[in-house]
PDB file of N, CA and C in Angstrom:
ATOM      1  N   MET A   1      -1.070  -3.369   8.948  1.00  0.00           N
ATOM      2  CA  MET A   1       0.065  -2.943   8.168  1.00  0.00           C
ATOM      3  C   MET A   1      -0.343  -1.687   7.407  1.00  0.00           C
ATOM      4  N   ASP A   2       0.252  -0.589   7.735  1.00  0.00           N
ATOM      5  CA  ASP A   2       0.044   0.657   6.999  1.00  0.00           C
ATOM      6  C   ASP A   2       1.263   0.841   6.106  1.00  0.00           C
ATOM      7  N   THR A   3       1.064   0.674   4.806  1.00  0.00           N
ATOM      8  CA  THR A   3       2.200   0.660   3.885  1.00  0.00           C
ATOM      9  C   THR A   3       2.941   1.992   3.817  1.00  0.00           C
ATOM     10  N   GLY A   4       2.342   3.052   4.287  1.00  0.00           N
ATOM     11  CA  GLY A   4       2.979   4.361   4.216  1.00  0.00           C
ATOM     12  C   GLY A   4       3.678   4.791   5.484  1.00  0.00           C
ATOM     13  N   ASN A   5       3.784   3.910   6.467  1.00  0.00           N
ATOM     14  CA  ASN A   5       4.387   4.304   7.742  1.00  0.00           C
ATOM     15  C   ASN A   5       5.908   4.261   7.767  1.00  0.00           C
ATOM     16  N   PHE A   6       6.520   3.658   6.756  1.00  0.00           N
ATOM     17  CA  PHE A   6       7.970   3.502   6.770  1.00  0.00           C
ATOM     18  C   PHE A   6       8.575   4.267   5.601  1.00  0.00           C
ATOM     19  N   LEU A   7       9.210   5.370   5.902  1.00  0.00           N
ATOM     20  CA  LEU A   7       9.748   6.236   4.862  1.00  0.00           C
ATOM     21  C   LEU A   7      11.070   5.734   4.297  1.00  0.00           C
ATOM     22  N   GLU A   8      11.820   4.989   5.081  1.00  0.00           N
ATOM     23  CA  GLU A   8      13.105   4.454   4.641  1.00  0.00           C
ATOM     24  C   GLU A   8      13.089   2.941   4.761  1.00  0.00           C
ATOM     25  N   ASN A   9      13.594   2.263   3.749  1.00  0.00           N
ATOM     26  CA  ASN A   9      13.644   0.798   3.722  1.00  0.00           C
ATOM     27  C   ASN A   9      12.296   0.160   4.070  1.00  0.00           C
ATOM     28  N   PRO A  10      11.230   0.580   3.395  1.00  0.00           N
ATOM     29  CA  PRO A  10       9.903   0.083   3.803  1.00  0.00           C
ATOM     30  C   PRO A  10       9.739  -1.430   3.664  1.00  0.00           C
ATOM     31  N   TYR A  11      10.326  -2.038   2.661  1.00  0.00           N
ATOM     32  CA  TYR A  11      10.071  -3.454   2.410  1.00  0.00           C
ATOM     33  C   TYR A  11      10.667  -4.350   3.495  1.00  0.00           C
ATOM     34  N   ASP A  12      11.843  -4.002   3.991  1.00  0.00           N
ATOM     35  CA  ASP A  12      12.432  -4.756   5.103  1.00  0.00           C
ATOM     36  C   ASP A  12      11.526  -4.687   6.327  1.00  0.00           C
ATOM     37  N   LYS A  13      11.002  -3.509   6.580  1.00  0.00           N
ATOM     38  CA  LYS A  13      10.146  -3.313   7.760  1.00  0.00           C
ATOM     39  C   LYS A  13       8.786  -3.991   7.572  1.00  0.00           C
ATOM     40  N   LEU A  14       8.251  -3.922   6.362  1.00  0.00           N
ATOM     41  CA  LEU A  14       6.979  -4.587   6.104  1.00  0.00           C
ATOM     42  C   LEU A  14       7.118  -6.104   6.238  1.00  0.00           C
ATOM     43  N   GLU A  15       8.254  -6.639   5.816  1.00  0.00           N
ATOM     44  CA  GLU A  15       8.507  -8.071   5.982  1.00  0.00           C
ATOM     45  C   GLU A  15       8.533  -8.461   7.454  1.00  0.00           C
ATOM     46  N   LYS A  16       9.095  -7.594   8.285  1.00  0.00           N
ATOM     47  CA  LYS A  16       9.181  -7.901   9.716  1.00  0.00           C
ATOM     48  C   LYS A  16       7.806  -7.942  10.375  1.00  0.00           C
ATOM     49  N   ILE A  17       6.902  -7.080   9.947  1.00  0.00           N
ATOM     50  CA  ILE A  17       5.584  -7.043  10.584  1.00  0.00           C
ATOM     51  C   ILE A  17       4.560  -7.939   9.884  1.00  0.00           C
ATOM     52  N   ALA A  18       4.886  -8.426   8.705  1.00  0.00           N
ATOM     53  CA  ALA A  18       3.930  -9.215   7.913  1.00  0.00           C
ATOM     54  C   ALA A  18       3.341 -10.411   8.679  1.00  0.00           C
ATOM     55  N   PRO A  19       4.124 -11.182   9.432  1.00  0.00           N
ATOM     56  CA  PRO A  19       3.530 -12.335  10.111  1.00  0.00           C
ATOM     57  C   PRO A  19       2.436 -11.965  11.126  1.00  0.00           C
ATOM     58  N   GLN A  20       2.456 -10.759  11.640  1.00  0.00           N
ATOM     59  CA  GLN A  20       1.453 -10.335  12.617  1.00  0.00           C
ATOM     60  C   GLN A  20       0.324  -9.504  11.987  1.00  0.00           C
ATOM     61  N   THR A  21       0.351  -9.329  10.690  1.00  0.00           N
ATOM     62  CA  THR A  21      -0.614  -8.458  10.016  1.00  0.00           C
ATOM     63  C   THR A  21      -2.008  -9.056  10.047  1.00  0.00           C
ATOM     64  N   SER A  22      -2.975  -8.215  10.452  1.00  0.00           N
ATOM     65  CA  SER A  22      -4.374  -8.649  10.456  1.00  0.00           C
ATOM     66  C   SER A  22      -5.232  -7.755   9.559  1.00  0.00           C
ATOM     67  N   PHE A  23      -4.663  -6.659   9.071  1.00  0.00           N
ATOM     68  CA  PHE A  23      -5.378  -5.723   8.209  1.00  0.00           C
ATOM     69  C   PHE A  23      -4.328  -4.880   7.489  1.00  0.00           C
ATOM     70  N   VAL A  24      -4.584  -4.543   6.230  1.00  0.00           N
ATOM     71  CA  VAL A  24      -3.623  -3.766   5.447  1.00  0.00           C
ATOM     72  C   VAL A  24      -4.275  -2.477   4.974  1.00  0.00           C
ATOM     73  N   GLN A  25      -3.569  -1.365   5.178  1.00  0.00           N
ATOM     74  CA  GLN A  25      -3.950  -0.069   4.626  1.00  0.00           C
ATOM     75  C   GLN A  25      -2.928   0.253   3.540  1.00  0.00           C
ATOM     76  N   ALA A  26      -3.356   0.188   2.294  1.00  0.00           N
ATOM     77  CA  ALA A  26      -2.471   0.441   1.160  1.00  0.00           C
ATOM     78  C   ALA A  26      -2.555   1.917   0.794  1.00  0.00           C
ATOM     79  N   LYS A  27      -1.504   2.637   1.061  1.00  0.00           N
ATOM     80  CA  LYS A  27      -1.496   4.070   0.775  1.00  0.00           C
ATOM     81  C   LYS A  27      -1.085   4.338  -0.658  1.00  0.00           C
ATOM     82  N   THR A  28      -1.780   5.293  -1.277  1.00  0.00           N
ATOM     83  CA  THR A  28      -1.422   5.760  -2.613  1.00  0.00           C
ATOM     84  C   THR A  28      -1.382   7.277  -2.604  1.00  0.00           C
ATOM     85  N   TYR A  29      -0.597   7.833  -3.517  1.00  0.00           N
ATOM     86  CA  TYR A  29      -0.298   9.266  -3.484  1.00  0.00           C
ATOM     87  C   TYR A  29      -0.419   9.921  -4.857  1.00  0.00           C
ATOM     88  N   TYR A  30      -1.405   9.541  -5.642  1.00  0.00           N
ATOM     89  CA  TYR A  30      -1.533  10.154  -6.975  1.00  0.00           C
ATOM     90  C   TYR A  30      -1.717  11.662  -6.839  1.00  0.00           C
ATOM     91  N   GLY A  31      -0.935  12.387  -7.631  1.00  0.00           N
ATOM     92  CA  GLY A  31      -0.964  13.845  -7.555  1.00  0.00           C
ATOM     93  C   GLY A  31      -0.045  14.405  -6.486  1.00  0.00           C
ATOM     94  N   GLY A  32       0.735  13.535  -5.860  1.00  0.00           N
ATOM     95  CA  GLY A  32       1.629  13.965  -4.781  1.00  0.00           C
ATOM     96  C   GLY A  32       0.912  13.924  -3.452  1.00  0.00           C
ATOM     97  N   GLY A  33       1.640  13.597  -2.420  1.00  0.00           N
ATOM     98  CA  GLY A  33       1.053  13.480  -1.091  1.00  0.00           C
ATOM     99  C   GLY A  33       0.886  14.809  -0.386  1.00  0.00           C
ATOM    100  N   GLU A  34       0.046  14.806   0.615  1.00  0.00           N
ATOM    101  CA  GLU A  34      -0.155  16.005   1.430  1.00  0.00           C
ATOM    102  C   GLU A  34       1.081  16.323   2.258  1.00  0.00           C
ATOM    103  N   TRP A  35       1.680  15.291   2.877  1.00  0.00           N
ATOM    104  CA  TRP A  35       2.842  15.502   3.744  1.00  0.00           C
ATOM    105  C   TRP A  35       4.096  14.907   3.137  1.00  0.00           C
ATOM    106  N   TYR A  36       3.960  13.811   2.443  1.00  0.00           N
ATOM    107  CA  TYR A  36       5.077  13.159   1.762  1.00  0.00           C
ATOM    108  C   TYR A  36       4.481  12.211   0.723  1.00  0.00           C
ATOM    109  N   SER A  37       5.308  11.750  -0.184  1.00  0.00           N
ATOM    110  CA  SER A  37       4.881  10.782  -1.200  1.00  0.00           C
ATOM    111  C   SER A  37       5.853   9.614  -1.203  1.00  0.00           C
ATOM    112  N   LEU A  38       5.318   8.428  -1.362  1.00  0.00           N
ATOM    113  CA  LEU A  38       6.137   7.235  -1.502  1.00  0.00           C
ATOM    114  C   LEU A  38       5.774   6.555  -2.811  1.00  0.00           C
ATOM    115  N   ASP A  39       6.763   6.054  -3.494  1.00  0.00           N
ATOM    116  CA  ASP A  39       6.543   5.289  -4.711  1.00  0.00           C
ATOM    117  C   ASP A  39       6.667   3.821  -4.331  1.00  0.00           C
ATOM    118  N   LEU A  40       5.559   3.252  -3.856  1.00  0.00           N
ATOM    119  CA  LEU A  40       5.586   1.900  -3.322  1.00  0.00           C
ATOM    120  C   LEU A  40       5.382   0.856  -4.414  1.00  0.00           C
ATOM    121  N   ASP A  41       6.108  -0.230  -4.293  1.00  0.00           N
ATOM    122  CA  ASP A  41       6.024  -1.348  -5.219  1.00  0.00           C
ATOM    123  C   ASP A  41       5.002  -2.344  -4.656  1.00  0.00           C
ATOM    124  N   TYR A  42       3.769  -2.211  -5.108  1.00  0.00           N
ATOM    125  CA  TYR A  42       2.707  -3.048  -4.542  1.00  0.00           C
ATOM    126  C   TYR A  42       2.813  -4.510  -4.960  1.00  0.00           C
ATOM    127  N   LYS A  43       3.427  -4.809  -6.065  1.00  0.00           N
ATOM    128  CA  LYS A  43       3.685  -6.204  -6.419  1.00  0.00           C
ATOM    129  C   LYS A  43       4.592  -6.822  -5.356  1.00  0.00           C
ATOM    130  N   ARG A  44       5.601  -6.097  -4.979  1.00  0.00           N
ATOM    131  CA  ARG A  44       6.533  -6.573  -3.946  1.00  0.00           C
ATOM    132  C   ARG A  44       5.824  -6.720  -2.597  1.00  0.00           C
ATOM    133  N   ILE A  45       4.968  -5.763  -2.257  1.00  0.00           N
ATOM    134  CA  ILE A  45       4.234  -5.817  -0.983  1.00  0.00           C
ATOM    135  C   ILE A  45       3.278  -7.009  -0.979  1.00  0.00           C
ATOM    136  N   VAL A  46       2.573  -7.230  -2.080  1.00  0.00           N
ATOM    137  CA  VAL A  46       1.673  -8.388  -2.171  1.00  0.00           C
ATOM    138  C   VAL A  46       2.463  -9.691  -2.047  1.00  0.00           C
ATOM    139  N   ASP A  47       3.643  -9.744  -2.645  1.00  0.00           N
ATOM    140  CA  ASP A  47       4.484 -10.941  -2.513  1.00  0.00           C
ATOM    141  C   ASP A  47       4.889 -11.176  -1.047  1.00  0.00           C
ATOM    142  N   ILE A  48       5.172 -10.114  -0.329  1.00  0.00           N
ATOM    143  CA  ILE A  48       5.491 -10.226   1.103  1.00  0.00           C
ATOM    144  C   ILE A  48       4.295 -10.809   1.850  1.00  0.00           C
ATOM    145  N   LEU A  49       3.115 -10.324   1.535  1.00  0.00           N
ATOM    146  CA  LEU A  49       1.901 -10.814   2.197  1.00  0.00           C
ATOM    147  C   LEU A  49       1.600 -12.264   1.836  1.00  0.00           C
ATOM    148  N   LYS A  50       1.848 -12.634   0.589  1.00  0.00           N
ATOM    149  CA  LYS A  50       1.617 -14.020   0.170  1.00  0.00           C
ATOM    150  C   LYS A  50       2.547 -14.985   0.900  1.00  0.00           C
ATOM    151  N   LYS A  51       3.782 -14.557   1.159  1.00  0.00           N
ATOM    152  CA  LYS A  51       4.744 -15.420   1.856  1.00  0.00           C
ATOM    153  C   LYS A  51       4.263 -15.817   3.246  1.00  0.00           C
ATOM    154  N   VAL A  52       3.466 -14.957   3.872  1.00  0.00           N
ATOM    155  CA  VAL A  52       2.957 -15.253   5.212  1.00  0.00           C
ATOM    156  C   VAL A  52       1.498 -15.709   5.165  1.00  0.00           C
ATOM    157  N   ASN A  53       1.010 -16.001   3.937  1.00  0.00           N
ATOM    158  CA  ASN A  53      -0.350 -16.488   3.722  1.00  0.00           C
ATOM    159  C   ASN A  53      -1.409 -15.529   4.273  1.00  0.00           C
ATOM    160  N   TYR A  54      -1.204 -14.243   4.056  1.00  0.00           N
ATOM    161  CA  TYR A  54      -2.184 -13.248   4.503  1.00  0.00           C
ATOM    162  C   TYR A  54      -3.494 -13.460   3.751  1.00  0.00           C
ATOM    163  N   GLN A  55      -4.593 -13.535   4.475  1.00  0.00           N
ATOM    164  CA  GLN A  55      -5.911 -13.785   3.888  1.00  0.00           C
ATOM    165  C   GLN A  55      -6.915 -12.676   4.211  1.00  0.00           C
ATOM    166  N   GLY A  56      -6.453 -11.588   4.795  1.00  0.00           N
ATOM    167  CA  GLY A  56      -7.370 -10.542   5.248  1.00  0.00           C
ATOM    168  C   GLY A  56      -7.666  -9.493   4.190  1.00  0.00           C
ATOM    169  N   TYR A  57      -8.271  -8.430   4.657  1.00  0.00           N
ATOM    170  CA  TYR A  57      -8.661  -7.329   3.784  1.00  0.00           C
ATOM    171  C   TYR A  57      -7.492  -6.395   3.504  1.00  0.00           C
ATOM    172  N   ILE A  58      -7.589  -5.720   2.354  1.00  0.00           N
ATOM    173  CA  ILE A  58      -6.659  -4.654   1.993  1.00  0.00           C
ATOM    174  C   ILE A  58      -7.520  -3.442   1.651  1.00  0.00           C
ATOM    175  N   SER A  59      -7.345  -2.382   2.421  1.00  0.00           N
ATOM    176  CA  SER A  59      -8.091  -1.157   2.147  1.00  0.00           C
ATOM    177  C   SER A  59      -7.183  -0.152   1.462  1.00  0.00           C
ATOM    178  N   ILE A  60      -7.788   0.773   0.768  1.00  0.00           N
ATOM    179  CA  ILE A  60      -7.031   1.840   0.121  1.00  0.00           C
ATOM    180  C   ILE A  60      -7.127   3.086   0.979  1.00  0.00           C
ATOM    181  N   GLU A  61      -5.985   3.668   1.239  1.00  0.00           N
ATOM    182  CA  GLU A  61      -5.933   4.942   1.950  1.00  0.00           C
ATOM    183  C   GLU A  61      -5.316   5.950   0.984  1.00  0.00           C
ATOM    184  N   PHE A  62      -6.173   6.648   0.276  1.00  0.00           N
ATOM    185  CA  PHE A  62      -5.725   7.601  -0.746  1.00  0.00           C
ATOM    186  C   PHE A  62      -5.323   8.908  -0.079  1.00  0.00           C
ATOM    187  N   GLU A  63      -4.053   9.270  -0.205  1.00  0.00           N
ATOM    188  CA  GLU A  63      -3.534  10.494   0.400  1.00  0.00           C
ATOM    189  C   GLU A  63      -2.975  11.453  -0.640  1.00  0.00           C
ATOM    190  N   GLY A  64      -3.358  11.274  -1.882  1.00  0.00           N
ATOM    191  CA  GLY A  64      -2.848  12.143  -2.935  1.00  0.00           C
ATOM    192  C   GLY A  64      -3.664  13.408  -3.097  1.00  0.00           C
ATOM    193  N   LYS A  65      -3.100  14.337  -3.820  1.00  0.00           N
ATOM    194  CA  LYS A  65      -3.765  15.621  -4.104  1.00  0.00           C
ATOM    195  C   LYS A  65      -4.639  15.556  -5.353  1.00  0.00           C
ATOM    196  N   GLU A  66      -4.509  14.480  -6.115  1.00  0.00           N
ATOM    197  CA  GLU A  66      -5.332  14.326  -7.308  1.00  0.00           C
ATOM    198  C   GLU A  66      -6.806  14.230  -6.903  1.00  0.00           C
ATOM    199  N   ASP A  67      -7.683  14.628  -7.794  1.00  0.00           N
ATOM    200  CA  ASP A  67      -9.112  14.506  -7.548  1.00  0.00           C
ATOM    201  C   ASP A  67      -9.414  13.055  -7.164  1.00  0.00           C
ATOM    202  N   PRO A  68     -10.063  12.820  -6.034  1.00  0.00           N
ATOM    203  CA  PRO A  68     -10.356  11.456  -5.603  1.00  0.00           C
ATOM    204  C   PRO A  68     -11.138  10.637  -6.633  1.00  0.00           C
ATOM    205  N   LYS A  69     -11.920  11.297  -7.471  1.00  0.00           N
ATOM    206  CA  LYS A  69     -12.681  10.570  -8.491  1.00  0.00           C
ATOM    207  C   LYS A  69     -11.757   9.809  -9.438  1.00  0.00           C
ATOM    208  N   THR A  70     -10.583  10.353  -9.690  1.00  0.00           N
ATOM    209  CA  THR A  70      -9.632   9.667 -10.561  1.00  0.00           C
ATOM    210  C   THR A  70      -8.531   8.970  -9.758  1.00  0.00           C
ATOM    211  N   GLY A  71      -8.087   9.584  -8.675  1.00  0.00           N
ATOM    212  CA  GLY A  71      -7.009   9.003  -7.871  1.00  0.00           C
ATOM    213  C   GLY A  71      -7.387   7.694  -7.203  1.00  0.00           C
ATOM    214  N   VAL A  72      -8.608   7.608  -6.704  1.00  0.00           N
ATOM    215  CA  VAL A  72      -9.048   6.367  -6.064  1.00  0.00           C
ATOM    216  C   VAL A  72      -9.202   5.271  -7.111  1.00  0.00           C
ATOM    217  N   LYS A  73      -9.737   5.619  -8.274  1.00  0.00           N
ATOM    218  CA  LYS A  73      -9.866   4.628  -9.348  1.00  0.00           C
ATOM    219  C   LYS A  73      -8.496   4.083  -9.747  1.00  0.00           C
ATOM    220  N   LYS A  74      -7.509   4.966  -9.866  1.00  0.00           N
ATOM    221  CA  LYS A  74      -6.158   4.517 -10.191  1.00  0.00           C
ATOM    222  C   LYS A  74      -5.629   3.579  -9.109  1.00  0.00           C
ATOM    223  N   SER A  75      -5.944   3.891  -7.855  1.00  0.00           N
ATOM    224  CA  SER A  75      -5.496   3.064  -6.738  1.00  0.00           C
ATOM    225  C   SER A  75      -6.133   1.680  -6.802  1.00  0.00           C
ATOM    226  N   VAL A  76      -7.430   1.637  -7.079  1.00  0.00           N
ATOM    227  CA  VAL A  76      -8.133   0.358  -7.200  1.00  0.00           C
ATOM    228  C   VAL A  76      -7.523  -0.445  -8.359  1.00  0.00           C
ATOM    229  N   ASP A  77      -7.320   0.207  -9.493  1.00  0.00           N
ATOM    230  CA  ASP A  77      -6.747  -0.472 -10.653  1.00  0.00           C
ATOM    231  C   ASP A  77      -5.351  -1.019 -10.344  1.00  0.00           C
ATOM    232  N   LEU A  78      -4.553  -0.232  -9.640  1.00  0.00           N
ATOM    233  CA  LEU A  78      -3.206  -0.660  -9.268  1.00  0.00           C
ATOM    234  C   LEU A  78      -3.257  -1.924  -8.406  1.00  0.00           C
ATOM    235  N   LEU A  79      -4.059  -1.891  -7.364  1.00  0.00           N
ATOM    236  CA  LEU A  79      -4.113  -3.051  -6.456  1.00  0.00           C
ATOM    237  C   LEU A  79      -4.712  -4.268  -7.150  1.00  0.00           C
ATOM    238  N   ARG A  80      -5.723  -4.069  -7.969  1.00  0.00           N
ATOM    239  CA  ARG A  80      -6.284  -5.212  -8.696  1.00  0.00           C
ATOM    240  C   ARG A  80      -5.252  -5.837  -9.630  1.00  0.00           C
ATOM    241  N   SER A  81      -4.385  -5.014 -10.194  1.00  0.00           N
ATOM    242  CA  SER A  81      -3.390  -5.536 -11.136  1.00  0.00           C
ATOM    243  C   SER A  81      -2.346  -6.425 -10.455  1.00  0.00           C
ATOM    244  N   VAL A  82      -2.130  -6.238  -9.165  1.00  0.00           N
ATOM    245  CA  VAL A  82      -1.111  -7.034  -8.475  1.00  0.00           C
ATOM    246  C   VAL A  82      -1.698  -8.141  -7.592  1.00  0.00           C
ATOM    247  N   LEU A  83      -3.013  -8.125  -7.443  1.00  0.00           N
ATOM    248  CA  LEU A  83      -3.643  -9.167  -6.610  1.00  0.00           C
ATOM    249  C   LEU A  83      -4.043 -10.339  -7.411  1.00  0.00           C
TER     250      LEU A  83
END
């Protein structure tokens, strides 16, 4: 599940693929994205994953323009807050 692959109605689409998910790439865009930016609701995404009893890994795919030293930390903090 790549959370940044659906530009329109992402949550409906993420729900559809959630039962088959074996790995999650959580995209974040601090500082604005290189090609596009999404304001994703990770609490909602985690709830979708919990409904299907997802037990796998969640990786961070930082695609923002912010300095990675701060942008990645913000991404980690965000995901920890909803997990």
